[in-house]
Amino acid sequence: MATLSFRTAVPALVFSFVLCGLAMACPCSTVTVPATDPGYNNIDGIKFSHTSQYRNEFRDAIAQAKRYCQTHVNIAHRAVVSDLDETLFDNREFDKANPIFEHGKWAEWVSKEKSPAFRSTREFLAWARGRGFAIFLVTTRGESMRGSTIANLLREGISYDGLFMRPDGNHDTHEALKTRFRKQIEEMGFTIVVNLGDQYSDLAGGYAQDCEKVPNRMYFNR
């Protein structure tokens, strides 16, 4: 991938996800992060998030995750892993007001504990937990945000079994950190059946049977 341009790499990734959808499985080990930043921005990304294409892509990713879980309900210690921001939490209000990301303003937003949950993701996680899947939430939000994050999850009525957050002083890439979190979950004895996220870095690195990507053109994280 390092030698491919983003223009070449992205169609290959999209084609890979199409094939995975047909096969009802897209192992995280087959996902890679594009080598080139696509140049997403909040303004265009927010506009896209209000289109039918965005809604259809989001709906299809959640539906695919549910279908895969339905065929794996007999696995012992089964789990679903989900990213938080732009996968479970909808932060478009913040992004619209802050076209340029600033950590201080982001911390202030998180402290307000008012990010609404995407209904389809919340319903999927509740459905999966009701069928014996442990729900683990993984995020690059820092540990200092744990209290506000938990309060926001409670406010949105989201039940889960573990919340993995970036340790204080950690500067790993999104991909490295989330891969380590999934590895830790598997070392606890769980089999991650579905891993859900809005970034390729949420999905790459292995330790999941199926990966599903919801759309996000507001920003790109490695």
Protein backbone atom coordinates (compact mmCIF):
# COMPACT_ATOMS: atom_id res chain seq x y z
CA MET A 1 0.00 0.00 0.00
CA ALA A 2 2.84 2.39 0.73
CA THR A 3 3.70 2.59 -2.99
CA LEU A 4 0.11 3.24 -4.14
CA SER A 5 -1.48 6.64 -4.52
CA PHE A 6 -4.70 7.31 -2.64
CA ARG A 7 -6.51 7.42 -5.99
CA THR A 8 -5.34 3.87 -6.65
CA ALA A 9 -5.65 2.60 -3.09
CA VAL A 10 -9.18 3.70 -2.24
CA PRO A 11 -10.96 1.91 -5.13
CA ALA A 12 -9.09 -1.24 -4.13
CA LEU A 13 -10.24 -0.81 -0.54
CA VAL A 14 -13.82 -0.15 -1.64
CA PHE A 15 -13.75 -3.21 -3.91
CA SER A 16 -12.38 -5.24 -1.01
CA PHE A 17 -15.28 -4.12 1.20
CA VAL A 18 -17.78 -4.99 -1.54
CA LEU A 19 -16.38 -8.50 -1.78
CA CYS A 20 -16.37 -8.79 1.99
CA GLY A 21 -20.01 -7.77 2.08
CA LEU A 22 -20.96 -10.46 -0.40
CA ALA A 23 -19.06 -13.04 1.61
CA MET A 24 -20.52 -11.74 4.88
CA ALA A 25 -17.07 -11.40 6.41
CA CYS A 26 -14.25 -8.87 6.18
CA PRO A 27 -11.45 -9.82 8.60
CA CYS A 28 -9.59 -6.86 10.06
CA SER A 29 -6.36 -8.48 8.88
CA THR A 30 -7.41 -7.66 5.29
CA VAL A 31 -7.97 -3.95 5.97
CA THR A 32 -5.21 -1.39 5.50
CA VAL A 33 -5.06 2.34 6.14
CA PRO A 34 -4.61 4.45 2.97
CA ALA A 35 -1.08 5.78 2.71
CA THR A 36 -2.26 9.24 1.64
CA ASP A 37 -4.61 11.53 3.51
CA PRO A 38 -7.68 12.03 1.26
CA GLY A 39 -8.04 15.62 2.42
CA TYR A 40 -11.44 15.30 4.05
CA ASN A 41 -12.80 18.43 5.70
CA ASN A 42 -15.64 19.20 8.07
CA ILE A 43 -17.60 21.45 5.73
CA ASP A 44 -17.85 19.02 2.81
CA GLY A 45 -18.05 16.05 5.16
CA ILE A 46 -21.01 17.47 7.06
CA LYS A 47 -22.79 18.19 3.78
CA PHE A 48 -22.20 14.59 2.72
CA SER A 49 -23.51 13.35 6.08
CA HIS A 50 -26.94 14.73 5.19
CA THR A 51 -27.20 12.87 1.87
CA SER A 52 -29.03 9.66 1.07
CA GLN A 53 -25.72 8.06 0.11
CA TYR A 54 -24.38 8.60 3.62
CA ARG A 55 -27.55 7.25 5.21
CA ASN A 56 -27.53 4.21 2.94
CA GLU A 57 -23.85 3.45 3.63
CA PHE A 58 -24.40 3.79 7.36
CA ARG A 59 -27.53 1.62 7.29
CA ASP A 60 -25.84 -1.05 5.17
CA ALA A 61 -22.79 -1.27 7.48
CA ILE A 62 -24.97 -1.76 10.55
CA ALA A 63 -27.22 -4.26 8.76
CA GLN A 64 -24.18 -6.23 7.63
CA ALA A 65 -22.81 -6.30 11.20
CA LYS A 66 -26.13 -7.61 12.46
CA ARG A 67 -26.32 -10.29 9.77
CA TYR A 68 -22.84 -11.50 10.61
CA CYS A 69 -23.66 -11.65 14.32
CA GLN A 70 -26.81 -13.63 13.57
CA THR A 71 -24.69 -16.38 12.03
CA HIS A 72 -22.29 -16.48 14.99
CA VAL A 73 -24.54 -16.55 18.05
CA ASN A 74 -23.20 -19.95 19.14
CA ILE A 75 -19.62 -18.74 19.72
CA ALA A 76 -18.63 -18.83 23.38
CA HIS A 77 -17.54 -15.51 24.91
CA ARG A 78 -18.51 -13.64 21.76
CA ALA A 79 -18.03 -9.88 21.55
CA VAL A 80 -18.70 -6.82 19.45
CA VAL A 81 -16.22 -3.93 19.43
CA SER A 82 -17.36 -0.43 18.48
CA ASP A 83 -15.59 2.87 18.07
CA LEU A 84 -17.24 5.87 19.73
CA ASP A 85 -16.99 9.14 17.81
CA GLU A 86 -18.83 9.26 14.46
CA THR A 87 -19.66 5.55 14.88
CA LEU A 88 -21.76 5.57 18.05
CA PHE A 89 -21.61 9.26 19.04
CA ASP A 90 -22.72 11.91 16.54
CA ASN A 91 -20.49 14.98 16.94
CA ARG A 92 -21.59 16.93 13.89
CA GLU A 93 -22.74 19.83 16.05
CA PHE A 94 -19.17 20.22 17.30
CA ASP A 95 -17.62 19.69 13.87
CA LYS A 96 -19.90 22.24 12.23
CA ALA A 97 -18.90 24.86 14.80
CA ASN A 98 -15.20 23.96 14.61
CA PRO A 99 -13.99 23.51 11.02
CA ILE A 100 -10.43 23.36 12.36
CA PHE A 101 -9.94 20.84 15.15
CA GLU A 102 -8.53 22.14 18.42
CA HIS A 103 -7.92 19.83 21.39
CA GLY A 104 -9.07 22.42 23.93
CA LYS A 105 -12.41 22.95 22.20
CA TRP A 106 -12.83 19.19 21.78
CA ALA A 107 -12.23 18.64 25.51
CA GLU A 108 -14.80 21.32 26.27
CA TRP A 109 -17.33 19.64 23.97
CA VAL A 110 -16.78 16.22 25.55
CA SER A 111 -17.22 17.74 29.01
CA LYS A 112 -20.73 18.86 28.02
CA GLU A 113 -21.71 15.17 27.75
CA LYS A 114 -24.31 15.87 25.07
CA SER A 115 -23.22 13.94 21.98
CA PRO A 116 -26.34 12.18 20.65
CA ALA A 117 -26.02 8.53 19.72
CA PHE A 118 -26.65 7.31 16.22
CA ARG A 119 -29.90 5.42 16.61
CA SER A 120 -28.95 2.55 14.30
CA THR A 121 -25.66 1.89 16.11
CA ARG A 122 -27.24 2.12 19.55
CA GLU A 123 -30.00 -0.28 18.54
CA PHE A 124 -27.53 -2.72 17.02
CA LEU A 125 -25.38 -2.80 20.16
CA ALA A 126 -28.45 -3.30 22.34
CA TRP A 127 -29.63 -6.07 20.04
CA ALA A 128 -26.23 -7.81 20.15
CA ARG A 129 -25.91 -7.52 23.93
CA GLY A 130 -29.38 -9.01 24.30
CA ARG A 131 -28.15 -12.05 22.40
CA GLY A 132 -25.14 -12.69 24.56
CA PHE A 133 -22.48 -10.59 22.88
CA ALA A 134 -20.22 -8.62 25.19
CA ILE A 135 -20.01 -4.99 24.04
CA PHE A 136 -16.61 -3.29 24.20
CA LEU A 137 -16.21 0.37 23.28
CA VAL A 138 -12.78 1.53 22.11
CA THR A 139 -11.78 5.13 21.63
CA THR A 140 -8.74 7.38 21.36
CA ARG A 141 -10.37 9.79 23.78
CA GLY A 142 -7.98 10.22 26.68
CA GLU A 143 -8.49 8.76 30.15
CA SER A 144 -9.12 12.27 31.48
CA MET A 145 -12.40 12.16 29.52
CA ARG A 146 -13.61 8.88 31.04
CA GLY A 147 -16.07 10.43 33.49
CA SER A 148 -17.72 12.64 30.87
CA THR A 149 -17.75 9.82 28.34
CA ILE A 150 -19.47 7.41 30.73
CA ALA A 151 -22.00 10.09 31.68
CA ASN A 152 -22.77 10.66 27.99
CA LEU A 153 -23.20 6.91 27.42
CA LEU A 154 -25.61 6.75 30.35
CA ARG A 155 -27.50 9.76 29.06
CA GLU A 156 -27.98 7.96 25.74
CA GLY A 157 -29.02 4.70 27.39
CA ILE A 158 -26.10 2.69 26.05
CA SER A 159 -25.18 -0.51 27.90
CA TYR A 160 -21.69 -1.94 27.48
CA ASP A 161 -19.21 -4.24 29.18
CA GLY A 162 -15.91 -2.42 28.81
CA LEU A 163 -14.58 1.00 27.77
CA PHE A 164 -11.02 1.23 26.48
CA MET A 165 -9.50 4.74 26.36
CA ARG A 166 -6.12 6.22 25.48
CA PRO A 167 -3.80 6.07 28.52
CA ASP A 168 -2.41 9.36 29.79
CA GLY A 169 0.79 10.24 27.96
CA ASN A 170 0.20 7.73 25.15
CA HIS A 171 0.91 8.95 21.60
CA ASP A 172 0.35 5.80 19.55
CA THR A 173 -1.40 6.06 16.20
CA HIS A 174 -5.09 5.28 16.15
CA GLU A 175 -4.40 2.01 14.36
CA ALA A 176 -1.73 0.85 16.84
CA LEU A 177 -3.77 1.78 19.90
CA LYS A 178 -7.01 0.19 18.77
CA THR A 179 -5.25 -2.94 17.57
CA ARG A 180 -3.72 -3.30 21.04
CA PHE A 181 -7.13 -2.83 22.66
CA ARG A 182 -8.64 -5.60 20.52
CA LYS A 183 -5.71 -7.86 21.32
CA GLN A 184 -6.30 -7.25 25.03
CA ILE A 185 -9.97 -8.14 24.62
CA GLU A 186 -9.08 -11.41 22.94
CA GLU A 187 -6.51 -12.14 25.64
CA MET A 188 -9.38 -11.84 28.14
CA GLY A 189 -10.91 -14.85 26.39
CA PHE A 190 -13.36 -13.15 24.04
CA THR A 191 -13.79 -13.71 20.32
CA ILE A 192 -14.46 -10.43 18.54
CA VAL A 193 -17.12 -11.29 16.01
CA VAL A 194 -17.68 -7.76 14.65
CA ASN A 195 -15.51 -4.64 14.82
CA LEU A 196 -17.32 -1.42 13.90
CA GLY A 197 -15.76 1.96 13.11
CA ASP A 198 -15.76 5.02 10.86
CA GLN A 199 -12.01 5.05 10.10
CA TYR A 200 -9.83 2.46 8.39
CA SER A 201 -7.55 2.82 11.41
CA ASP A 202 -10.46 1.60 13.57
CA LEU A 203 -10.50 -1.63 11.59
CA ALA A 204 -6.94 -2.43 10.49
CA GLY A 205 -4.62 -4.61 12.52
CA GLY A 206 -6.51 -7.87 12.97
CA TYR A 207 -8.18 -9.40 16.04
CA ALA A 208 -11.73 -9.52 14.65
CA GLN A 209 -13.65 -11.86 12.40
CA ASP A 210 -15.67 -9.19 10.60
CA CYS A 211 -15.11 -5.45 10.11
CA GLU A 212 -17.77 -2.93 9.15
CA LYS A 213 -17.03 0.71 8.26
CA VAL A 214 -19.64 3.44 8.59
CA PRO A 215 -19.04 6.53 6.44
CA ASN A 216 -17.16 9.63 7.58
CA ARG A 217 -15.74 12.25 5.20
CA MET A 218 -15.18 14.90 7.85
CA TYR A 219 -11.70 13.75 8.87
CA PHE A 220 -9.16 10.98 8.41
CA ASN A 221 -7.16 9.34 11.20
CA ARG A 222 -4.20 7.00 11.04
